[in-house]
Amino acid sequence: MLDINLIRENPEIVIKSMRDRQMDDSPVLEIQRLDVERRALLTEVEQLKAERNAVSREIGKIKDAAERTAKIEAMRTVGDRISALDQQVRETEEKLNELVMIIPNIPESAVPYGTGEAENQVLRVEGMIQEPSFEPLPHWDLGTALNIIDFERGVKLTGSRFYVLNGAAARLQRALIAYMLDLHVRQGYEERYTPFMVKSDILYACGQLPKFRDNLYHDAEEDFWWVPTAEVPLTGLYKDEIIDEDQLPLRFTAYTPCFRREKMSAGRDVRGIKRGHQFDKVELYCYSHPDKSQQELERMLDAAEEVARKLQLPYRIIQQCTGDLGFNAQICYDIEVWAPGCKEWLEVSSVSNVGDFQARRGAIRFRDKESGKPRYLHTLNGSGLGLPRTLIAVMETYQQADGSIVVPEVLKPWMGGIERIEKNS
């Protein structure tokens, strides 16, 4: 959430931000109007309350009964007006807060301008894309041939965009999760196991509500929301709290299944397990001192990259442009790994500095040692990495000419002795 003073005093900054993001800037003008209206109402209420207080003091001194009755009756009218104005203030504040909640974060000056994903910038490519001596299969054919991905039973159980991982594929997915968690703990991120459902106020704090309401799964009876990412409960851990400055940075890693209503274009990503309503992800998260969030961003990016490096997957770093930048992010880097069967780059991580955007929404602060006053901290998040796309890249990269899949060296400790995935392995 942006500081209302920024919208009030420097609306041109917010308007430019929304235009750079290819968004309608009319909510900014409406926020300004409502803000002026709210302050005018508050001024009138304060004047009337001051008048009522002054007259109340006078009434106690009036000896004439008729005059006292007339004053009391006049103040009853003032009281009714105050009640009506208080209700107007509440309604105006509610509308104002709803609009402020849908204004995205301000991109950093380093974020390049662009109208959409096609204008994101490739910063660097790491690792060599090997030319195989055979035509590699895409994972949907490879997984079916090895009987380790069952699309039909996934559809039978739930519907389209669901699947079942059999045997070694299920174990490979579990190995990737365990490996990433262990790696991130060694990197200095403390593991958390969080609920997979949260209350609505946690989603508001994280920035998922109200903007992404239509993409979330909700149990209306209990007002529980299935998490779209572990970023949500990790943000909520310190909601409404003040942290000692000496505790910063707080770095966490967590695994959760993630649930999102994917709004997929007809004919796009229709094959395989690349895009679905349920997927697994290992998250990286950091509560940082504002002065150190840039170096925490670089640290987190390297931590996520290390997964790809250790798996020996060719990858590239993409800087998101303004038109593709996530709602919460000030700046964001994507990690994409090469999938030789699909013959495409797959996004497996977005690493973002959110600044104080979530901290403001969630009232998450630290106590400044010098001033002794609470200040908003910065939060950062990134996938370390996301599944099933990392699984896809491993399957397709490590497939052999005979149709088997060699297990990457770093995953073998979690594979129970399986070194090669073959049919019925």
Protein backbone atom coordinates (compact mmCIF):
# COMPACT_ATOMS: atom_id res chain seq x y z
CA MET A 1 0.00 0.00 0.00
CA LEU A 2 1.27 3.44 -0.88
CA ASP A 3 1.53 6.25 1.64
CA ILE A 4 -1.61 8.40 1.20
CA ASN A 5 0.63 11.47 1.54
CA LEU A 6 2.42 10.48 -1.68
CA ILE A 7 -0.89 10.38 -3.56
CA ARG A 8 -2.00 13.61 -1.89
CA GLU A 9 1.18 15.63 -2.41
CA ASN A 10 2.80 14.02 -5.49
CA PRO A 11 0.00 12.46 -7.52
CA GLU A 12 2.03 12.84 -10.72
CA ILE A 13 4.46 10.16 -9.47
CA VAL A 14 1.64 7.69 -8.93
CA ILE A 15 -0.06 8.56 -12.22
CA LYS A 16 3.20 8.04 -14.14
CA SER A 17 3.72 4.72 -12.36
CA MET A 18 0.31 3.45 -13.40
CA ARG A 19 0.74 4.64 -16.97
CA ASP A 20 4.16 2.97 -17.13
CA ARG A 21 2.48 -0.21 -15.89
CA GLN A 22 -0.13 0.14 -18.67
CA MET A 23 -2.88 0.67 -16.10
CA ASP A 24 -5.82 3.07 -15.89
CA ASP A 25 -4.82 6.01 -13.69
CA SER A 26 -8.37 7.26 -12.98
CA PRO A 27 -8.41 5.71 -9.46
CA VAL A 28 -5.71 8.23 -8.46
CA LEU A 29 -8.01 11.15 -9.30
CA GLU A 30 -10.87 9.51 -7.41
CA ILE A 31 -8.62 8.98 -4.40
CA GLN A 32 -7.71 12.67 -4.46
CA ARG A 33 -11.39 13.64 -4.61
CA LEU A 34 -12.36 11.31 -1.76
CA ASP A 35 -9.40 12.48 0.31
CA VAL A 36 -10.49 16.12 -0.03
CA GLU A 37 -14.08 15.13 0.77
CA ARG A 38 -13.00 13.15 3.83
CA ARG A 39 -10.91 15.99 5.23
CA ALA A 40 -13.74 18.49 4.67
CA LEU A 41 -16.16 16.20 6.49
CA LEU A 42 -13.72 15.75 9.37
CA THR A 43 -13.26 19.51 9.65
CA GLU A 44 -17.02 20.05 9.83
CA VAL A 45 -17.43 17.27 12.39
CA GLU A 46 -14.66 18.70 14.57
CA GLN A 47 -16.21 22.18 14.42
CA LEU A 48 -19.64 20.85 15.37
CA LYS A 49 -18.22 18.79 18.23
CA ALA A 50 -16.33 21.82 19.50
CA GLU A 51 -19.54 23.85 19.29
CA ARG A 52 -21.47 21.15 21.14
CA ASN A 53 -18.85 20.96 23.88
CA ALA A 54 -18.85 24.72 24.33
CA VAL A 55 -22.66 24.91 24.48
CA SER A 56 -22.77 21.96 26.89
CA ARG A 57 -20.58 23.92 29.27
CA GLU A 58 -22.87 26.95 28.89
CA ILE A 59 -26.02 24.92 29.55
CA GLY A 60 -24.81 24.04 33.03
CA LYS A 61 -24.63 27.74 33.84
CA ILE A 62 -28.04 28.75 32.41
CA LYS A 63 -30.61 29.27 35.13
CA ASP A 64 -33.60 30.04 32.90
CA ALA A 65 -35.41 26.73 32.20
CA ALA A 66 -36.84 27.79 28.85
CA GLU A 67 -33.48 29.00 27.58
CA ARG A 68 -31.83 25.81 28.81
CA THR A 69 -34.46 23.66 27.02
CA ALA A 70 -33.98 25.61 23.78
CA LYS A 71 -30.21 25.15 23.95
CA ILE A 72 -30.57 21.41 24.62
CA GLU A 73 -32.96 21.06 21.67
CA ALA A 74 -30.55 22.94 19.42
CA MET A 75 -27.72 20.66 20.49
CA ARG A 76 -29.87 17.62 19.74
CA THR A 77 -30.06 18.82 16.14
CA VAL A 78 -26.29 19.34 16.14
CA GLY A 79 -25.83 15.83 17.55
CA ASP A 80 -27.96 14.36 14.75
CA ARG A 81 -25.83 16.24 12.21
CA ILE A 82 -22.65 14.92 13.84
CA SER A 83 -23.96 11.33 13.66
CA ALA A 84 -24.84 11.76 9.99
CA LEU A 85 -21.41 13.23 9.25
CA ASP A 86 -19.64 10.44 11.15
CA GLN A 87 -21.45 7.93 8.95
CA GLN A 88 -20.41 9.86 5.84
CA VAL A 89 -16.80 9.86 7.06
CA ARG A 90 -16.89 6.07 7.57
CA GLU A 91 -18.36 5.50 4.11
CA THR A 92 -15.87 7.87 2.47
CA GLU A 93 -12.93 6.25 4.30
CA GLU A 94 -14.13 2.81 3.23
CA LYS A 95 -14.26 3.86 -0.43
CA LEU A 96 -10.90 5.60 -0.08
CA ASN A 97 -9.22 2.56 1.48
CA GLU A 98 -10.64 0.25 -1.19
CA LEU A 99 -9.14 2.41 -3.92
CA VAL A 100 -5.77 2.84 -2.21
CA MET A 101 -5.60 -0.95 -1.90
CA ILE A 102 -5.74 -1.41 -5.70
CA ILE A 103 -2.94 1.06 -6.48
CA PRO A 104 0.25 -0.92 -7.30
CA ASN A 105 3.73 -0.25 -6.00
CA ILE A 106 5.94 2.41 -7.60
CA PRO A 107 8.63 0.84 -9.85
CA GLU A 108 12.23 1.67 -9.02
CA SER A 109 13.99 4.05 -11.41
CA ALA A 110 16.18 1.12 -12.56
CA VAL A 111 13.15 -0.75 -13.96
CA PRO A 112 13.08 -0.33 -17.75
CA TYR A 113 9.95 1.00 -19.40
CA GLY A 114 8.01 -1.55 -21.46
CA THR A 115 4.44 -2.30 -22.41
CA GLY A 116 4.47 -6.01 -21.55
CA GLU A 117 6.29 -9.31 -21.22
CA ALA A 118 7.76 -9.13 -24.72
CA GLU A 119 9.81 -6.09 -23.67
CA ASN A 120 11.44 -7.68 -20.63
CA GLN A 121 15.24 -7.59 -20.83
CA VAL A 122 17.56 -10.61 -20.84
CA LEU A 123 20.42 -9.60 -18.53
CA ARG A 124 22.54 -12.75 -18.82
CA VAL A 125 22.49 -16.44 -19.72
CA GLU A 126 24.22 -18.99 -17.50
CA GLY A 127 25.25 -22.49 -18.60
CA MET A 128 25.52 -24.02 -22.05
CA ILE A 129 22.52 -25.38 -23.90
CA GLN A 130 23.77 -28.77 -25.12
CA GLU A 131 22.68 -30.08 -28.50
CA PRO A 132 21.55 -33.67 -27.84
CA SER A 133 22.41 -36.46 -30.26
CA PHE A 134 18.72 -37.41 -30.40
CA GLU A 135 15.42 -35.55 -30.55
CA PRO A 136 14.40 -34.99 -26.91
CA LEU A 137 10.78 -35.64 -26.03
CA PRO A 138 8.62 -33.03 -24.33
CA HIS A 139 7.72 -34.04 -20.80
CA TRP A 140 4.12 -34.91 -21.67
CA ASP A 141 5.32 -37.62 -24.08
CA LEU A 142 8.29 -38.62 -21.93
CA GLY A 143 6.21 -38.89 -18.76
CA THR A 144 3.49 -40.88 -20.50
CA ALA A 145 5.98 -43.29 -22.10
CA LEU A 146 7.58 -43.95 -18.69
CA ASN A 147 4.16 -44.17 -16.99
CA ILE A 148 5.18 -41.53 -14.44
CA ILE A 149 2.68 -38.81 -15.39
CA ASP A 150 -0.98 -39.82 -15.57
CA PHE A 151 -3.07 -37.10 -17.17
CA GLU A 152 -6.25 -39.15 -17.52
CA ARG A 153 -6.53 -39.95 -13.82
CA GLY A 154 -5.83 -36.33 -12.90
CA VAL A 155 -8.77 -35.27 -15.06
CA LYS A 156 -10.85 -38.12 -13.61
CA LEU A 157 -10.15 -36.99 -10.05
CA THR A 158 -10.60 -33.24 -10.48
CA GLY A 159 -10.72 -32.00 -14.06
CA SER A 160 -8.58 -30.35 -16.68
CA ARG A 161 -5.19 -28.98 -15.60
CA PHE A 162 -4.77 -31.68 -12.96
CA TYR A 163 -2.55 -34.77 -13.17
CA VAL A 164 -1.11 -37.59 -11.08
CA LEU A 165 2.63 -38.20 -10.66
CA ASN A 166 3.44 -41.89 -10.38
CA GLY A 167 6.32 -43.66 -8.67
CA ALA A 168 9.70 -42.16 -9.48
CA ALA A 169 8.23 -38.86 -10.72
CA ALA A 170 6.42 -38.32 -7.41
CA ARG A 171 9.66 -39.13 -5.62
CA LEU A 172 11.65 -36.81 -7.92
CA GLN A 173 9.26 -33.97 -7.14
CA ARG A 174 9.61 -34.67 -3.40
CA ALA A 175 13.41 -34.84 -3.79
CA LEU A 176 13.47 -31.42 -5.45
CA ILE A 177 11.44 -29.90 -2.60
CA ALA A 178 13.63 -31.48 0.11
CA TYR A 179 16.84 -30.54 -1.71
CA MET A 180 15.80 -26.92 -2.15
CA LEU A 181 14.70 -26.54 1.47
CA ASP A 182 17.96 -28.02 2.76
CA LEU A 183 20.01 -25.83 0.41
CA HIS A 184 18.20 -22.65 1.44
CA VAL A 185 18.63 -23.48 5.13
CA ARG A 186 22.38 -23.80 4.50
CA GLN A 187 22.24 -20.42 2.75
CA GLY A 188 20.91 -18.83 5.93
CA TYR A 189 17.15 -18.96 5.42
CA GLU A 190 15.26 -20.40 8.40
CA GLU A 191 12.65 -23.00 7.51
CA ARG A 192 8.99 -22.49 8.36
CA TYR A 193 6.08 -24.87 7.90
CA THR A 194 3.02 -22.64 7.59
CA PRO A 195 -0.73 -23.21 7.17
CA PHE A 196 -1.91 -23.75 3.62
CA MET A 197 -4.99 -21.63 4.36
CA VAL A 198 -5.08 -18.09 5.78
CA LYS A 199 -7.59 -15.46 6.85
CA SER A 200 -8.57 -12.66 4.50
CA ASP A 201 -6.68 -9.97 6.44
CA ILE A 202 -3.41 -11.83 5.75
CA LEU A 203 -4.13 -11.73 2.01
CA TYR A 204 -4.88 -8.00 2.25
CA ALA A 205 -1.56 -7.47 4.03
CA CYS A 206 0.30 -9.41 1.35
CA GLY A 207 -1.36 -7.52 -1.51
CA GLN A 208 -3.32 -10.45 -2.93
CA LEU A 209 -6.66 -8.95 -1.93
CA PRO A 210 -8.61 -7.24 -3.25
CA LYS A 211 -6.91 -7.18 -6.67
CA PHE A 212 -6.51 -10.94 -7.21
CA ARG A 213 -9.75 -12.08 -5.59
CA ASP A 214 -10.93 -13.87 -8.74
CA ASN A 215 -7.74 -15.96 -8.86
CA LEU A 216 -8.01 -17.28 -5.30
CA TYR A 217 -9.84 -20.26 -3.84
CA HIS A 218 -12.04 -19.43 -0.87
CA ASP A 219 -13.96 -21.35 1.78
CA ALA A 220 -16.76 -18.88 2.45
CA GLU A 221 -18.10 -20.70 5.50
CA GLU A 222 -14.86 -20.36 7.49
CA ASP A 223 -13.44 -17.37 5.58
CA PHE A 224 -10.31 -19.40 4.86
CA TRP A 225 -8.36 -18.78 1.66
CA TRP A 226 -6.04 -21.36 0.08
CA VAL A 227 -2.61 -19.82 -0.31
CA PRO A 228 -1.47 -18.88 -3.84
CA THR A 229 2.14 -18.89 -2.56
CA ALA A 230 4.02 -19.25 0.74
CA GLU A 231 4.78 -15.54 0.41
CA VAL A 232 1.31 -14.96 1.90
CA PRO A 233 1.69 -16.71 5.28
CA LEU A 234 5.33 -15.61 5.54
CA THR A 235 4.19 -11.98 5.18
CA GLY A 236 1.53 -12.57 7.82
CA LEU A 237 3.97 -13.95 10.40
CA TYR A 238 4.78 -10.47 11.72
CA LYS A 239 1.58 -8.63 10.83
CA ASP A 240 0.81 -5.84 13.36
CA GLU A 241 4.16 -6.34 15.10
CA ILE A 242 7.20 -4.18 15.82
CA ILE A 243 10.54 -6.00 15.43
CA ASP A 244 13.76 -4.96 17.13
CA GLU A 245 16.22 -3.58 14.58
CA ASP A 246 18.88 -6.04 15.79
CA GLN A 247 16.68 -8.93 14.61
CA LEU A 248 16.88 -7.80 10.99
CA PRO A 249 17.27 -9.30 8.51
CA LEU A 250 14.83 -12.14 9.11
CA ARG A 251 15.20 -14.69 6.31
CA PHE A 252 12.76 -17.58 5.82
CA THR A 253 12.16 -20.47 3.44
CA ALA A 254 8.97 -22.51 3.25
CA TYR A 255 7.32 -25.14 1.11
CA THR A 256 3.62 -24.98 0.31
CA PRO A 257 1.31 -26.29 -2.34
CA CYS A 258 -0.10 -23.27 -4.17
CA PHE A 259 -3.65 -22.83 -5.44
CA ARG A 260 -4.61 -20.36 -8.16
CA ARG A 261 -7.38 -20.09 -10.69
CA GLU A 262 -5.25 -19.85 -13.80
CA LYS A 263 -6.87 -17.66 -16.45
CA MET A 264 -5.44 -19.35 -19.50
CA SER A 265 -5.90 -18.16 -23.05
CA ALA A 266 -7.43 -20.65 -25.42
CA GLY A 267 -4.71 -22.77 -27.00
CA ARG A 268 -1.95 -21.50 -24.70
CA ASP A 269 0.08 -23.97 -22.62
CA VAL A 270 -2.56 -26.63 -23.17
CA ARG A 271 -0.17 -29.58 -23.06
CA GLY A 272 1.71 -31.01 -20.15
CA ILE A 273 1.98 -29.87 -16.55
CA LYS A 274 3.49 -26.42 -17.06
CA ARG A 275 0.42 -24.49 -15.93
CA GLY A 276 -2.27 -25.65 -13.50
CA HIS A 277 -4.53 -24.68 -10.64
CA GLN A 278 -2.39 -26.54 -8.08
CA PHE A 279 1.40 -26.63 -7.91
CA ASP A 280 4.25 -26.85 -5.41
CA LYS A 281 6.77 -24.17 -4.59
CA VAL A 282 9.65 -23.49 -2.22
CA GLU A 283 9.64 -19.83 -1.24
CA LEU A 284 12.36 -17.44 -0.08
CA TYR A 285 11.34 -14.46 2.04
CA CYS A 286 13.13 -11.65 3.85
CA TYR A 287 12.25 -8.89 6.30
CA SER A 288 14.98 -6.30 5.73
CA HIS A 289 16.17 -2.96 7.04
CA PRO A 290 15.25 -0.41 4.30
CA ASP A 291 18.90 0.57 3.84
CA LYS A 292 19.91 -3.02 3.10
CA SER A 293 17.08 -4.37 0.96
CA GLN A 294 19.01 -3.94 -2.30
CA GLN A 295 21.81 -6.23 -1.11
CA GLU A 296 19.19 -8.66 0.23
CA LEU A 297 17.66 -8.71 -3.26
CA GLU A 298 21.01 -9.65 -4.79
CA ARG A 299 21.54 -12.28 -2.08
CA MET A 300 18.11 -13.82 -2.68
CA LEU A 301 18.60 -13.89 -6.44
CA ASP A 302 21.89 -15.74 -6.01
CA ALA A 303 20.26 -18.18 -3.56
CA ALA A 304 17.59 -19.05 -6.13
CA GLU A 305 20.14 -19.24 -8.95
CA GLU A 306 22.20 -21.71 -6.96
CA VAL A 307 19.42 -24.28 -7.30
CA ALA A 308 19.63 -24.08 -11.08
CA ARG A 309 23.43 -24.12 -10.98
CA LYS A 310 23.58 -27.22 -8.75
CA LEU A 311 21.02 -28.99 -10.94
CA GLN A 312 23.18 -28.01 -13.94
CA LEU A 313 20.23 -26.50 -15.77
CA PRO A 314 20.98 -23.72 -18.27
CA TYR A 315 19.14 -20.61 -17.14
CA ARG A 316 18.82 -16.93 -17.84
CA ILE A 317 18.04 -13.82 -15.77
CA ILE A 318 15.27 -11.55 -17.01
CA GLN A 319 14.54 -8.06 -15.73
CA GLN A 320 10.83 -7.34 -15.79
CA CYS A 321 9.84 -4.09 -17.48
CA THR A 322 7.21 -1.72 -16.07
CA GLY A 323 4.42 -3.28 -18.13
CA ASP A 324 5.06 -6.77 -16.73
CA LEU A 325 6.06 -5.87 -13.18
CA GLY A 326 4.06 -7.60 -10.45
CA PHE A 327 1.53 -5.59 -8.42
CA ASN A 328 3.61 -5.59 -5.21
CA ALA A 329 7.08 -5.28 -6.71
CA GLN A 330 9.34 -2.26 -7.01
CA ILE A 331 11.79 -4.32 -9.05
CA CYS A 332 11.75 -7.97 -10.10
CA TYR A 333 14.07 -10.46 -11.77
CA ASP A 334 12.81 -13.70 -13.33
CA ILE A 335 14.83 -16.89 -13.53
CA GLU A 336 14.02 -19.02 -16.57
CA VAL A 337 15.42 -22.52 -17.16
CA TRP A 338 15.78 -24.19 -20.55
CA ALA A 339 13.53 -27.16 -21.31
CA PRO A 340 14.97 -28.97 -24.37
CA GLY A 341 11.89 -31.13 -24.99
CA CYS A 342 9.45 -28.20 -24.96
CA LYS A 343 12.17 -26.11 -26.61
CA GLU A 344 11.35 -23.09 -24.49
CA TRP A 345 12.48 -21.11 -21.48
CA LEU A 346 10.34 -21.80 -18.41
CA GLU A 347 9.97 -19.22 -15.65
CA VAL A 348 10.76 -20.91 -12.33
CA SER A 349 11.28 -17.89 -10.08
CA SER A 350 10.48 -14.21 -9.70
CA VAL A 351 12.68 -12.47 -7.13
CA SER A 352 11.28 -9.13 -5.99
CA ASN A 353 12.02 -6.23 -3.68
CA VAL A 354 8.65 -5.00 -2.45
CA GLY A 355 9.99 -2.09 -0.41
CA ASP A 356 7.60 -1.02 2.37
CA PHE A 357 4.49 -1.79 0.30
CA GLN A 358 3.47 -4.93 2.22
CA ALA A 359 4.78 -3.56 5.52
CA ARG A 360 2.35 -0.65 5.28
CA ARG A 361 -0.56 -2.93 4.46
CA GLY A 362 0.30 -5.28 7.32
CA ALA A 363 1.56 -2.70 9.85
CA ILE A 364 4.92 -4.52 10.03
CA ARG A 365 7.58 -2.28 11.54
CA PHE A 366 10.94 -2.28 13.26
CA ARG A 367 12.10 -0.06 16.11
CA ASP A 368 14.86 2.24 14.92
CA LYS A 369 17.80 2.11 17.34
CA GLU A 370 18.75 5.76 16.89
CA SER A 371 15.33 7.39 17.14
CA GLY A 372 13.56 4.69 19.14
CA LYS A 373 10.57 5.13 16.83
CA PRO A 374 8.85 2.44 14.75
CA ARG A 375 9.60 2.47 11.01
CA TYR A 376 8.27 0.40 8.15
CA LEU A 377 10.71 -2.29 7.06
CA HIS A 378 11.16 -3.74 3.56
CA THR A 379 10.06 -7.20 2.44
CA LEU A 380 11.45 -9.34 -0.38
CA ASN A 381 10.31 -12.62 -1.86
CA GLY A 382 11.26 -15.15 -4.51
CA SER A 383 10.71 -18.74 -5.55
CA GLY A 384 13.58 -21.04 -4.86
CA LEU A 385 12.38 -22.68 -7.23
CA GLY A 386 8.83 -23.29 -8.43
CA LEU A 387 7.43 -26.65 -9.43
CA PRO A 388 6.41 -28.34 -11.65
CA ARG A 389 8.47 -26.31 -14.13
CA THR A 390 11.75 -27.21 -12.43
CA LEU A 391 10.62 -30.85 -12.60
CA ILE A 392 9.88 -30.43 -16.31
CA ALA A 393 13.37 -29.01 -16.96
CA VAL A 394 15.03 -31.84 -15.01
CA MET A 395 13.06 -34.54 -16.84
CA GLU A 396 13.73 -33.10 -20.27
CA THR A 397 17.38 -32.14 -19.66
CA TYR A 398 18.38 -35.49 -18.13
CA GLN A 399 16.50 -37.75 -20.54
CA GLN A 400 18.53 -40.29 -22.48
CA ALA A 401 18.30 -41.64 -26.01
CA ASP A 402 16.68 -44.86 -24.71
CA GLY A 403 13.84 -42.86 -23.10
CA SER A 404 15.09 -43.11 -19.51
CA ILE A 405 15.92 -40.19 -17.20
CA VAL A 406 19.17 -39.98 -15.24
CA VAL A 407 18.68 -38.60 -11.73
CA PRO A 408 20.78 -35.44 -11.13
CA GLU A 409 23.65 -36.05 -8.73
CA VAL A 410 22.45 -33.58 -6.09
CA LEU A 411 19.03 -35.27 -5.87
CA LYS A 412 20.25 -38.84 -5.37
CA PRO A 413 20.29 -38.68 -1.54
CA TRP A 414 16.49 -38.28 -1.62
CA MET A 415 15.77 -40.88 -4.32
CA GLY A 416 16.18 -44.06 -2.26
CA GLY A 417 18.83 -45.56 -4.51
CA ILE A 418 17.09 -44.73 -7.81
CA GLU A 419 19.72 -43.39 -10.20
CA ARG A 420 17.84 -43.77 -13.45
CA ILE A 421 14.10 -43.51 -14.05
CA GLU A 422 12.89 -46.18 -16.40
CA LYS A 423 9.42 -47.53 -17.04
CA ASN A 424 8.03 -49.06 -13.81
CA SER A 425 11.08 -47.83 -11.83
